[in-house]
C-alpha atoms as a PDB file:
ATOM      1  CA  MET A   1      87.717 137.096  70.353  1.00  0.00           C
ATOM      2  CA  ALA A   2      89.600 134.460  72.529  1.00  0.00           C
ATOM      3  CA  VAL A   3      93.445 134.540  72.092  1.00  0.00           C
ATOM      4  CA  ASP A   4      96.328 132.199  73.198  1.00  0.00           C
ATOM      5  CA  SER A   5      98.554 134.351  75.586  1.00  0.00           C
ATOM      6  CA  GLN A   6     101.199 131.560  75.582  1.00  0.00           C
ATOM      7  CA  VAL A   7     103.352 133.254  72.773  1.00  0.00           C
ATOM      8  CA  SER A   8     106.059 135.173  74.549  1.00  0.00           C
ATOM      9  CA  CYS A   9     108.913 135.040  72.218  1.00  0.00           C
ATOM     10  CA  VAL A  10     108.769 135.228  68.456  1.00  0.00           C
ATOM     11  CA  THR A  11     111.466 134.676  65.714  1.00  0.00           C
ATOM     12  CA  VAL A  12     110.680 137.142  62.729  1.00  0.00           C
ATOM     13  CA  PHE A  13     112.746 136.092  59.608  1.00  0.00           C
ATOM     14  CA  GLY A  14     112.938 139.071  57.358  1.00  0.00           C
ATOM     15  CA  GLY A  15     112.721 141.249  60.583  1.00  0.00           C
ATOM     16  CA  SER A  16     114.554 144.221  58.713  1.00  0.00           C
ATOM     17  CA  GLY A  17     112.033 144.465  55.672  1.00  0.00           C
ATOM     18  CA  PHE A  18     109.174 146.707  55.106  1.00  0.00           C
ATOM     19  CA  LEU A  19     106.610 144.072  56.633  1.00  0.00           C
ATOM     20  CA  GLY A  20     108.977 142.537  59.074  1.00  0.00           C
ATOM     21  CA  ARG A  21     109.800 145.759  60.897  1.00  0.00           C
ATOM     22  CA  GLU A  22     105.962 146.325  61.281  1.00  0.00           C
ATOM     23  CA  ILE A  23     105.496 142.835  62.689  1.00  0.00           C
ATOM     24  CA  VAL A  24     108.392 143.316  65.174  1.00  0.00           C
ATOM     25  CA  LYS A  25     106.823 146.754  66.034  1.00  0.00           C
ATOM     26  CA  ARG A  26     103.419 145.083  66.600  1.00  0.00           C
ATOM     27  CA  LEU A  27     104.796 142.139  68.727  1.00  0.00           C
ATOM     28  CA  THR A  28     106.810 144.324  71.021  1.00  0.00           C
ATOM     29  CA  ALA A  29     103.984 146.620  71.357  1.00  0.00           C
ATOM     30  CA  GLU A  30     101.900 143.413  72.776  1.00  0.00           C
ATOM     31  CA  GLY A  31     104.682 142.753  75.141  1.00  0.00           C
ATOM     32  CA  ILE A  32     106.140 139.921  73.241  1.00  0.00           C
ATOM     33  CA  THR A  33     109.817 139.556  72.745  1.00  0.00           C
ATOM     34  CA  ALA A  34     110.508 139.741  68.864  1.00  0.00           C
ATOM     35  CA  ARG A  35     113.666 138.141  67.873  1.00  0.00           C
ATOM     36  CA  ALA A  36     114.408 139.855  64.361  1.00  0.00           C
ATOM     37  CA  ALA A  37     116.407 137.505  62.203  1.00  0.00           C
ATOM     38  CA  MET A  38     118.063 138.919  59.216  1.00  0.00           C
ATOM     39  CA  ARG A  39     120.765 138.084  56.785  1.00  0.00           C
ATOM     40  CA  HIS A  40     123.020 141.092  56.693  1.00  0.00           C
ATOM     41  CA  PRO A  41     125.561 141.539  59.359  1.00  0.00           C
ATOM     42  CA  ASP A  42     125.407 145.348  59.368  1.00  0.00           C
ATOM     43  CA  LYS A  43     121.686 145.136  60.163  1.00  0.00           C
ATOM     44  CA  ALA A  44     121.961 142.433  62.860  1.00  0.00           C
ATOM     45  CA  SER A  45     123.796 142.741  66.231  1.00  0.00           C
ATOM     46  CA  GLY A  46     124.005 139.132  66.856  1.00  0.00           C
ATOM     47  CA  ASP A  47     123.221 139.703  70.319  1.00  0.00           C
ATOM     48  CA  ARG A  48     122.156 136.302  71.939  1.00  0.00           C
ATOM     49  CA  ARG A  49     121.551 137.594  75.294  1.00  0.00           C
ATOM     50  CA  PRO A  50     118.195 136.797  76.884  1.00  0.00           C
ATOM     51  CA  ALA A  51     115.954 139.670  76.112  1.00  0.00           C
ATOM     52  CA  ARG A  52     113.183 140.927  78.283  1.00  0.00           C
ATOM     53  CA  ARG A  53     109.626 140.508  77.495  1.00  0.00           C
ATOM     54  CA  GLY A  54     108.692 143.141  74.906  1.00  0.00           C
ATOM     55  CA  ASP A  55     112.276 143.732  73.575  1.00  0.00           C
ATOM     56  CA  VAL A  56     113.608 143.462  70.111  1.00  0.00           C
ATOM     57  CA  GLN A  57     116.591 140.968  69.818  1.00  0.00           C
ATOM     58  CA  ALA A  58     118.546 141.012  66.442  1.00  0.00           C
ATOM     59  CA  VAL A  59     120.170 137.946  65.316  1.00  0.00           C
ATOM     60  CA  TYR A  60     121.816 136.568  62.088  1.00  0.00           C
ATOM     61  CA  ALA A  61     120.051 134.262  59.965  1.00  0.00           C
ATOM     62  CA  ASP A  62     119.952 133.178  56.287  1.00  0.00           C
ATOM     63  CA  VAL A  63     116.870 131.169  55.466  1.00  0.00           C
ATOM     64  CA  ARG A  64     119.038 129.295  52.798  1.00  0.00           C
ATOM     65  CA  ASP A  65     121.347 128.138  55.686  1.00  0.00           C
ATOM     66  CA  GLU A  66     119.321 125.702  57.981  1.00  0.00           C
ATOM     67  CA  THR A  67     121.931 125.867  60.544  1.00  0.00           C
ATOM     68  CA  SER A  68     121.661 129.605  61.115  1.00  0.00           C
ATOM     69  CA  VAL A  69     117.681 129.267  60.867  1.00  0.00           C
ATOM     70  CA  ALA A  70     117.887 126.712  63.782  1.00  0.00           C
ATOM     71  CA  LEU A  71     120.120 129.085  65.894  1.00  0.00           C
ATOM     72  CA  ALA A  72     117.565 131.919  65.355  1.00  0.00           C
ATOM     73  CA  ILE A  73     114.463 129.825  66.435  1.00  0.00           C
ATOM     74  CA  ASP A  74     116.286 128.267  69.482  1.00  0.00           C
ATOM     75  CA  GLY A  75     114.301 129.376  72.521  1.00  0.00           C
ATOM     76  CA  SER A  76     111.249 130.909  70.715  1.00  0.00           C
ATOM     77  CA  ASP A  77     107.686 129.559  70.898  1.00  0.00           C
ATOM     78  CA  ALA A  78     106.477 130.799  67.657  1.00  0.00           C
ATOM     79  CA  VAL A  79     107.966 131.730  64.231  1.00  0.00           C
ATOM     80  CA  VAL A  80     106.988 134.230  61.476  1.00  0.00           C
ATOM     81  CA  ASN A  81     108.508 134.053  57.955  1.00  0.00           C
ATOM     82  CA  ALA A  82     108.302 137.396  56.293  1.00  0.00           C
ATOM     83  CA  VAL A  83     111.242 137.021  53.847  1.00  0.00           C
ATOM     84  CA  GLY A  84     110.621 138.148  50.397  1.00  0.00           C
ATOM     85  CA  LEU A  85     112.750 138.295  47.292  1.00  0.00           C
ATOM     86  CA  TYR A  86     111.630 140.076  43.967  1.00  0.00           C
ATOM     87  CA  VAL A  87     115.125 140.066  42.011  1.00  0.00           C
ATOM     88  CA  GLU A  88     117.312 137.069  41.585  1.00  0.00           C
ATOM     89  CA  LYS A  89     121.052 137.676  41.876  1.00  0.00           C
ATOM     90  CA  GLY A  90     123.524 134.784  41.787  1.00  0.00           C
ATOM     91  CA  ALA A  91     122.797 132.374  44.556  1.00  0.00           C
ATOM     92  CA  GLU A  92     119.750 134.442  45.646  1.00  0.00           C
ATOM     93  CA  THR A  93     117.052 132.849  43.444  1.00  0.00           C
ATOM     94  CA  PHE A  94     113.308 132.491  44.088  1.00  0.00           C
ATOM     95  CA  GLU A  95     113.667 128.668  44.427  1.00  0.00           C
ATOM     96  CA  ALA A  96     116.493 129.138  47.190  1.00  0.00           C
ATOM     97  CA  VAL A  97     114.443 131.576  49.029  1.00  0.00           C
ATOM     98  CA  HIS A  98     110.869 131.001  48.700  1.00  0.00           C
ATOM     99  CA  GLU A  99     111.092 127.274  48.262  1.00  0.00           C
ATOM    100  CA  LEU A 100     114.212 125.959  50.078  1.00  0.00           C
ATOM    101  CA  GLY A 101     114.252 128.917  52.428  1.00  0.00           C
ATOM    102  CA  ALA A 102     110.619 128.504  53.288  1.00  0.00           C
ATOM    103  CA  LEU A 103     111.108 124.768  53.860  1.00  0.00           C
ATOM    104  CA  ASN A 104     114.058 125.377  56.146  1.00  0.00           C
ATOM    105  CA  VAL A 105     112.189 127.651  58.193  1.00  0.00           C
ATOM    106  CA  ALA A 106     109.140 125.333  58.745  1.00  0.00           C
ATOM    107  CA  HIS A 107     111.446 122.308  59.102  1.00  0.00           C
ATOM    108  CA  GLN A 108     113.415 123.817  62.153  1.00  0.00           C
ATOM    109  CA  ALA A 109     110.254 125.254  63.512  1.00  0.00           C
ATOM    110  CA  ALA A 110     108.757 121.704  63.500  1.00  0.00           C
ATOM    111  CA  ILE A 111     111.944 120.172  64.926  1.00  0.00           C
ATOM    112  CA  SER A 112     112.091 122.791  67.789  1.00  0.00           C
ATOM    113  CA  GLY A 113     108.611 122.247  68.661  1.00  0.00           C
ATOM    114  CA  VAL A 114     107.304 125.881  68.482  1.00  0.00           C
ATOM    115  CA  GLY A 115     103.626 126.251  68.842  1.00  0.00           C
ATOM    116  CA  ARG A 116     102.750 128.385  65.924  1.00  0.00           C
ATOM    117  CA  LEU A 117     104.357 129.140  62.583  1.00  0.00           C
ATOM    118  CA  VAL A 118     103.007 131.928  60.323  1.00  0.00           C
ATOM    119  CA  HIS A 119     104.230 131.858  56.614  1.00  0.00           C
ATOM    120  CA  VAL A 120     103.836 135.227  54.316  1.00  0.00           C
ATOM    121  CA  SER A 121     103.219 134.283  50.958  1.00  0.00           C
ATOM    122  CA  GLY A 122     100.992 136.422  48.501  1.00  0.00           C
ATOM    123  CA  ILE A 123      97.890 136.676  46.533  1.00  0.00           C
ATOM    124  CA  GLY A 124      98.207 135.043  43.325  1.00  0.00           C
ATOM    125  CA  ALA A 125     100.502 132.320  44.381  1.00  0.00           C
ATOM    126  CA  ASP A 126     100.096 129.700  41.479  1.00  0.00           C
ATOM    127  CA  LEU A 127     101.913 126.504  40.711  1.00  0.00           C
ATOM    128  CA  GLN A 128     100.939 126.612  37.107  1.00  0.00           C
ATOM    129  CA  SER A 129     102.217 130.220  36.766  1.00  0.00           C
ATOM    130  CA  ASP A 130     104.762 130.829  33.833  1.00  0.00           C
ATOM    131  CA  SER A 131     106.381 132.999  36.432  1.00  0.00           C
ATOM    132  CA  SER A 132     109.293 131.365  38.385  1.00  0.00           C
ATOM    133  CA  TYR A 133     108.589 134.053  41.087  1.00  0.00           C
ATOM    134  CA  VAL A 134     104.666 133.150  41.549  1.00  0.00           C
ATOM    135  CA  GLY A 135     105.523 129.362  41.183  1.00  0.00           C
ATOM    136  CA  ALA A 136     108.041 129.607  43.734  1.00  0.00           C
ATOM    137  CA  ARG A 137     105.671 131.216  46.024  1.00  0.00           C
ATOM    138  CA  ALA A 138     103.085 128.600  45.680  1.00  0.00           C
ATOM    139  CA  LYS A 139     105.493 125.747  46.016  1.00  0.00           C
ATOM    140  CA  GLY A 140     106.895 127.296  49.002  1.00  0.00           C
ATOM    141  CA  GLU A 141     103.434 127.153  50.664  1.00  0.00           C
ATOM    142  CA  LEU A 142     103.117 123.526  49.876  1.00  0.00           C
ATOM    143  CA  LEU A 143     106.426 122.780  51.317  1.00  0.00           C
ATOM    144  CA  VAL A 144     105.658 124.631  54.598  1.00  0.00           C
ATOM    145  CA  MET A 145     102.394 122.811  54.908  1.00  0.00           C
ATOM    146  CA  ASP A 146     103.951 119.308  54.329  1.00  0.00           C
ATOM    147  CA  VAL A 147     106.357 119.673  57.366  1.00  0.00           C
ATOM    148  CA  PHE A 148     104.350 122.084  59.484  1.00  0.00           C
ATOM    149  CA  ALA A 149     100.607 121.075  58.849  1.00  0.00           C
ATOM    150  CA  ARG A 150      99.288 123.651  61.468  1.00  0.00           C
ATOM    151  CA  ALA A 151     101.059 126.581  59.850  1.00  0.00           C
ATOM    152  CA  THR A 152      99.150 129.624  59.010  1.00  0.00           C
ATOM    153  CA  ILE A 153      99.513 131.054  55.518  1.00  0.00           C
ATOM    154  CA  LEU A 154      98.905 134.689  54.951  1.00  0.00           C
ATOM    155  CA  ARG A 155      98.512 136.098  51.357  1.00  0.00           C
ATOM    156  CA  PRO A 156      98.571 139.747  51.337  1.00  0.00           C
ATOM    157  CA  SER A 157      97.954 141.865  48.231  1.00  0.00           C
ATOM    158  CA  VAL A 158     100.419 144.734  47.406  1.00  0.00           C
ATOM    159  CA  LEU A 159     101.324 146.596  50.650  1.00  0.00           C
ATOM    160  CA  PHE A 160     101.215 150.173  51.500  1.00  0.00           C
ATOM    161  CA  GLY A 161     102.424 152.427  54.283  1.00  0.00           C
ATOM    162  CA  PRO A 162     105.165 154.779  54.889  1.00  0.00           C
ATOM    163  CA  ASP A 163     108.389 153.771  53.242  1.00  0.00           C
ATOM    164  CA  ASP A 164     106.621 151.583  50.899  1.00  0.00           C
ATOM    165  CA  LYS A 165     107.958 151.023  47.406  1.00  0.00           C
ATOM    166  CA  PHE A 166     104.850 150.825  45.540  1.00  0.00           C
ATOM    167  CA  LEU A 167     102.883 154.399  46.131  1.00  0.00           C
ATOM    168  CA  ASN A 168     106.051 156.162  46.903  1.00  0.00           C
ATOM    169  CA  THR A 169     107.798 155.113  43.736  1.00  0.00           C
ATOM    170  CA  LEU A 170     104.754 156.295  41.759  1.00  0.00           C
ATOM    171  CA  ALA A 171     104.577 159.623  43.399  1.00  0.00           C
ATOM    172  CA  GLN A 172     108.568 159.994  42.860  1.00  0.00           C
ATOM    173  CA  ILE A 173     108.109 159.347  39.148  1.00  0.00           C
ATOM    174  CA  ALA A 174     104.975 161.713  38.893  1.00  0.00           C
ATOM    175  CA  TYR A 175     107.262 164.446  40.138  1.00  0.00           C
ATOM    176  CA  ARG A 176     109.825 164.025  37.751  1.00  0.00           C
ATOM    177  CA  THR A 177     108.060 163.239  34.467  1.00  0.00           C
ATOM    178  CA  PRO A 178     104.983 164.671  32.601  1.00  0.00           C
ATOM    179  CA  VAL A 179     104.221 161.228  31.343  1.00  0.00           C
ATOM    180  CA  LEU A 180     103.179 158.098  33.224  1.00  0.00           C
ATOM    181  CA  PRO A 181     103.084 154.650  31.624  1.00  0.00           C
ATOM    182  CA  LEU A 182     100.379 152.193  32.475  1.00  0.00           C
ATOM    183  CA  PHE A 183     100.850 148.338  32.669  1.00  0.00           C
ATOM    184  CA  GLY A 184      98.810 147.509  29.749  1.00  0.00           C
ATOM    185  CA  ARG A 185      95.587 149.875  29.644  1.00  0.00           C
ATOM    186  CA  GLY A 186      95.716 150.090  33.430  1.00  0.00           C
ATOM    187  CA  ARG A 187      92.916 147.714  33.976  1.00  0.00           C
ATOM    188  CA  THR A 188      94.495 145.342  36.331  1.00  0.00           C
ATOM    189  CA  ARG A 189      92.502 145.280  39.708  1.00  0.00           C
ATOM    190  CA  LEU A 190      94.598 145.719  42.911  1.00  0.00           C
ATOM    191  CA  GLN A 191      93.247 145.557  46.465  1.00  0.00           C
ATOM    192  CA  PRO A 192      96.293 147.511  48.441  1.00  0.00           C
ATOM    193  CA  VAL A 193      96.460 146.348  52.026  1.00  0.00           C
ATOM    194  CA  TYR A 194      97.885 148.455  54.670  1.00  0.00           C
ATOM    195  CA  VAL A 195     101.074 147.030  56.045  1.00  0.00           C
ATOM    196  CA  GLY A 196      99.965 147.523  59.847  1.00  0.00           C
ATOM    197  CA  ASP A 197      96.876 145.545  59.121  1.00  0.00           C
ATOM    198  CA  VAL A 198      99.113 142.565  57.894  1.00  0.00           C
ATOM    199  CA  ALA A 199     101.356 142.845  60.972  1.00  0.00           C
ATOM    200  CA  GLU A 200      98.249 142.724  63.040  1.00  0.00           C
ATOM    201  CA  ALA A 201      97.055 139.702  61.067  1.00  0.00           C
ATOM    202  CA  ALA A 202     100.438 138.095  61.866  1.00  0.00           C
ATOM    203  CA  LEU A 203     100.032 138.708  65.695  1.00  0.00           C
ATOM    204  CA  ARG A 204      96.394 137.397  65.467  1.00  0.00           C
ATOM    205  CA  ALA A 205      97.583 134.235  63.562  1.00  0.00           C
ATOM    206  CA  LEU A 206      99.926 133.514  66.393  1.00  0.00           C
ATOM    207  CA  GLN A 207      97.268 133.955  69.087  1.00  0.00           C
ATOM    208  CA  LEU A 208      94.048 132.839  67.781  1.00  0.00           C
ATOM    209  CA  PRO A 209      93.113 129.144  68.567  1.00  0.00           C
ATOM    210  CA  ASP A 210      91.513 128.655  65.157  1.00  0.00           C
ATOM    211  CA  ALA A 211      94.134 130.203  62.925  1.00  0.00           C
ATOM    212  CA  PRO A 212      96.693 127.197  62.760  1.00  0.00           C
ATOM    213  CA  GLY A 213      96.156 125.330  59.521  1.00  0.00           C
ATOM    214  CA  LYS A 214      94.402 128.013  57.633  1.00  0.00           C
ATOM    215  CA  THR A 215      95.233 130.378  54.704  1.00  0.00           C
ATOM    216  CA  TYR A 216      93.952 133.998  54.689  1.00  0.00           C
ATOM    217  CA  GLU A 217      94.059 136.450  51.862  1.00  0.00           C
ATOM    218  CA  LEU A 218      94.570 139.959  52.982  1.00  0.00           C
ATOM    219  CA  GLY A 219      93.293 143.024  51.067  1.00  0.00           C
ATOM    220  CA  GLY A 220      92.134 146.520  51.912  1.00  0.00           C
ATOM    221  CA  PRO A 221      88.515 147.737  51.869  1.00  0.00           C
ATOM    222  CA  ARG A 222      88.433 148.864  48.272  1.00  0.00           C
ATOM    223  CA  ILE A 223      89.537 147.491  44.936  1.00  0.00           C
ATOM    224  CA  TYR A 224      91.123 149.891  42.451  1.00  0.00           C
ATOM    225  CA  SER A 225      92.221 149.526  38.808  1.00  0.00           C
ATOM    226  CA  TYR A 226      96.103 150.582  38.419  1.00  0.00           C
ATOM    227  CA  ARG A 227      94.960 153.506  36.523  1.00  0.00           C
ATOM    228  CA  GLY A 228      92.778 154.577  39.389  1.00  0.00           C
ATOM    229  CA  LEU A 229      95.596 154.078  41.835  1.00  0.00           C
ATOM    230  CA  ILE A 230      97.868 156.526  39.820  1.00  0.00           C
ATOM    231  CA  GLU A 231      95.037 159.067  39.488  1.00  0.00           C
ATOM    232  CA  LEU A 232      94.683 158.765  43.393  1.00  0.00           C
ATOM    233  CA  VAL A 233      98.282 159.540  43.916  1.00  0.00           C
ATOM    234  CA  LEU A 234      98.233 162.361  41.374  1.00  0.00           C
ATOM    235  CA  SER A 235      95.489 163.968  43.154  1.00  0.00           C
ATOM    236  CA  ARG A 236      97.127 163.837  46.331  1.00  0.00           C
ATOM    237  CA  ILE A 237     100.246 165.545  45.166  1.00  0.00           C
ATOM    238  CA  HIS A 238      98.494 167.916  43.102  1.00  0.00           C
ATOM    239  CA  ARG A 239      99.817 166.981  39.552  1.00  0.00           C
ATOM    240  CA  ARG A 240      98.174 166.309  36.227  1.00  0.00           C
ATOM    241  CA  ARG A 241     100.163 163.779  33.997  1.00  0.00           C
ATOM    242  CA  LEU A 242      99.452 162.131  30.709  1.00  0.00           C
ATOM    243  CA  LEU A 243      98.849 158.378  31.327  1.00  0.00           C
ATOM    244  CA  VAL A 244     100.045 156.446  28.536  1.00  0.00           C
ATOM    245  CA  PRO A 245      99.094 152.640  27.959  1.00  0.00           C
ATOM    246  CA  LEU A 246     102.254 150.479  27.448  1.00  0.00           C
ATOM    247  CA  PRO A 247     102.162 146.829  26.160  1.00  0.00           C
ATOM    248  CA  PHE A 248     103.248 144.098  28.745  1.00  0.00           C
ATOM    249  CA  PRO A 249     106.065 142.727  26.377  1.00  0.00           C
ATOM    250  CA  LEU A 250     107.668 146.121  26.367  1.00  0.00           C
ATOM    251  CA  TRP A 251     107.317 146.324  30.204  1.00  0.00           C
ATOM    252  CA  GLN A 252     109.210 142.659  30.311  1.00  0.00           C
ATOM    253  CA  THR A 253     111.990 144.218  28.295  1.00  0.00           C
ATOM    254  CA  LEU A 254     112.333 147.238  30.477  1.00  0.00           C
ATOM    255  CA  ALA A 255     112.340 145.098  33.357  1.00  0.00           C
ATOM    256  CA  ALA A 256     115.231 142.779  32.037  1.00  0.00           C
ATOM    257  CA  PHE A 257     117.423 145.911  31.446  1.00  0.00           C
ATOM    258  CA  ALA A 258     116.407 147.378  35.084  1.00  0.00           C
ATOM    259  CA  SER A 259     117.279 144.023  36.724  1.00  0.00           C
ATOM    260  CA  LEU A 260     120.940 144.991  35.783  1.00  0.00           C
ATOM    261  CA  LEU A 261     120.912 147.888  38.246  1.00  0.00           C
ATOM    262  CA  PRO A 262     122.055 147.563  41.835  1.00  0.00           C
ATOM    263  CA  SER A 263     118.655 148.477  43.249  1.00  0.00           C
ATOM    264  CA  PRO A 264     116.129 147.833  40.298  1.00  0.00           C
ATOM    265  CA  PRO A 265     113.126 150.218  40.026  1.00  0.00           C
ATOM    266  CA  LEU A 266     111.261 147.496  38.352  1.00  0.00           C
ATOM    267  CA  THR A 267     111.540 143.608  38.286  1.00  0.00           C
ATOM    268  CA  ARG A 268     110.150 140.971  35.700  1.00  0.00           C
ATOM    269  CA  ALA A 269     108.221 139.342  38.968  1.00  0.00           C
ATOM    270  CA  GLN A 270     106.589 142.643  39.469  1.00  0.00           C
ATOM    271  CA  VAL A 271     105.506 142.820  35.646  1.00  0.00           C
ATOM    272  CA  THR A 272     104.088 139.359  35.784  1.00  0.00           C
ATOM    273  CA  LEU A 273     102.198 140.125  38.859  1.00  0.00           C
ATOM    274  CA  MET A 274     100.704 143.108  37.234  1.00  0.00           C
ATOM    275  CA  ARG A 275      99.213 140.915  34.378  1.00  0.00           C
ATOM    276  CA  HIS A 276      96.570 139.356  36.578  1.00  0.00           C
ATOM    277  CA  ASP A 277      94.028 140.917  39.213  1.00  0.00           C
ATOM    278  CA  ASN A 278      95.492 140.956  42.743  1.00  0.00           C
ATOM    279  CA  VAL A 279      92.329 140.932  44.858  1.00  0.00           C
ATOM    280  CA  VAL A 280      90.932 138.654  47.754  1.00  0.00           C
ATOM    281  CA  ALA A 281      89.009 135.575  46.217  1.00  0.00           C
ATOM    282  CA  LYS A 282      85.292 135.576  47.166  1.00  0.00           C
ATOM    283  CA  ALA A 283      85.497 132.447  49.112  1.00  0.00           C
ATOM    284  CA  ALA A 284      88.893 133.147  50.860  1.00  0.00           C
ATOM    285  CA  LEU A 285      89.287 133.931  54.555  1.00  0.00           C
ATOM    286  CA  SER A 286      90.163 137.433  55.028  1.00  0.00           C
ATOM    287  CA  LEU A 287      91.139 140.165  57.653  1.00  0.00           C
ATOM    288  CA  GLU A 288      87.607 140.171  58.741  1.00  0.00           C
ATOM    289  CA  ASP A 289      88.040 136.522  59.770  1.00  0.00           C
ATOM    290  CA  LEU A 290      90.987 137.595  61.986  1.00  0.00           C
ATOM    291  CA  GLY A 291      88.731 140.285  63.556  1.00  0.00           C
ATOM    292  CA  ILE A 292      90.655 143.091  61.782  1.00  0.00           C
ATOM    293  CA  GLU A 293      88.801 146.013  59.987  1.00  0.00           C
ATOM    294  CA  ALA A 294      90.886 147.051  57.017  1.00  0.00           C
ATOM    295  CA  THR A 295      92.476 150.325  56.795  1.00  0.00           C
ATOM    296  CA  ALA A 296      91.448 152.469  53.800  1.00  0.00           C
ATOM    297  CA  LEU A 297      94.221 153.586  51.607  1.00  0.00           C
ATOM    298  CA  GLU A 298      92.758 157.321  51.635  1.00  0.00           C
ATOM    299  CA  ASP A 299      93.159 157.255  55.411  1.00  0.00           C
ATOM    300  CA  ILE A 300      96.930 156.688  55.353  1.00  0.00           C
ATOM    301  CA  LEU A 301      98.170 158.107  51.962  1.00  0.00           C
ATOM    302  CA  PRO A 302      97.965 161.795  53.102  1.00  0.00           C
ATOM    303  CA  GLU A 303     100.454 160.801  55.896  1.00  0.00           C
ATOM    304  CA  TYR A 304     103.400 159.944  53.561  1.00  0.00           C
ATOM    305  CA  VAL A 305     102.650 160.854  49.865  1.00  0.00           C
ATOM    306  CA  THR A 306     102.917 164.627  50.220  1.00  0.00           C
ATOM    307  CA  LEU A 307     104.281 167.550  48.317  1.00  0.00           C
ATOM    308  CA  ASP A 308     107.379 167.809  50.487  1.00  0.00           C
ATOM    309  CA  ARG A 309     109.994 166.417  47.964  1.00  0.00           C
END
């Protein structure tokens, strides 16, 4: 598969996040300088000295602040926006991050003349959704394409991998309680995708000549019900638990209370997403179209969901 080898320095917004870290790792393994742009000063060195090819260079950026976005992009020849927000707090709103922030990154990428922009969204992005999170994701995609028509949109399903907050959280709950509540009856279909595959997709989107301007939906090789995923985790940790259906309105109430905590274990956005199937559409471009063979959940799960707790 032909690739464009001109990409040598990439700014990754959200470079300290679960997916962002994997993208940075994949870029540097390819010999590409990764400029990890992140908001928290304690996670960013602010070092603006020239980095050698294949290095990681940490810089400060807040996607809500277009000036900091411009400074983070300056000197790069490609950009990846992997910033995600699940809980609104104060000025950190879905509109500010997934709409305005996405627009700021795309606008500055266009102004700076970078050759490639990869914008990470999510399966299920829908302007008509009654969820402000889902709607903001969809509007962000439109704003990005409006100012950077050749952007590549990646829509991953739920991510799994070491340090994920999905399967690890399920396992931790299973260790501590004899009862596990289900979203509804646990019938929601999910197509978990390995975080390393999504990072590889970002790299391919930066390199492949026909990727610009396209949208890819990224899912793993198998579709599970939510109940099926819980049962898979339970089998891995050798536990038997009572699975109890819980109505979605009750979940929304629980999420509202959880949102008051410093680090909420559950958000209203997550509950909304669990109301609908989260799988790759039949007609969508996918990992296969990027030349990537999807990694099976069963191949990775034993590496990080274990009995050692």
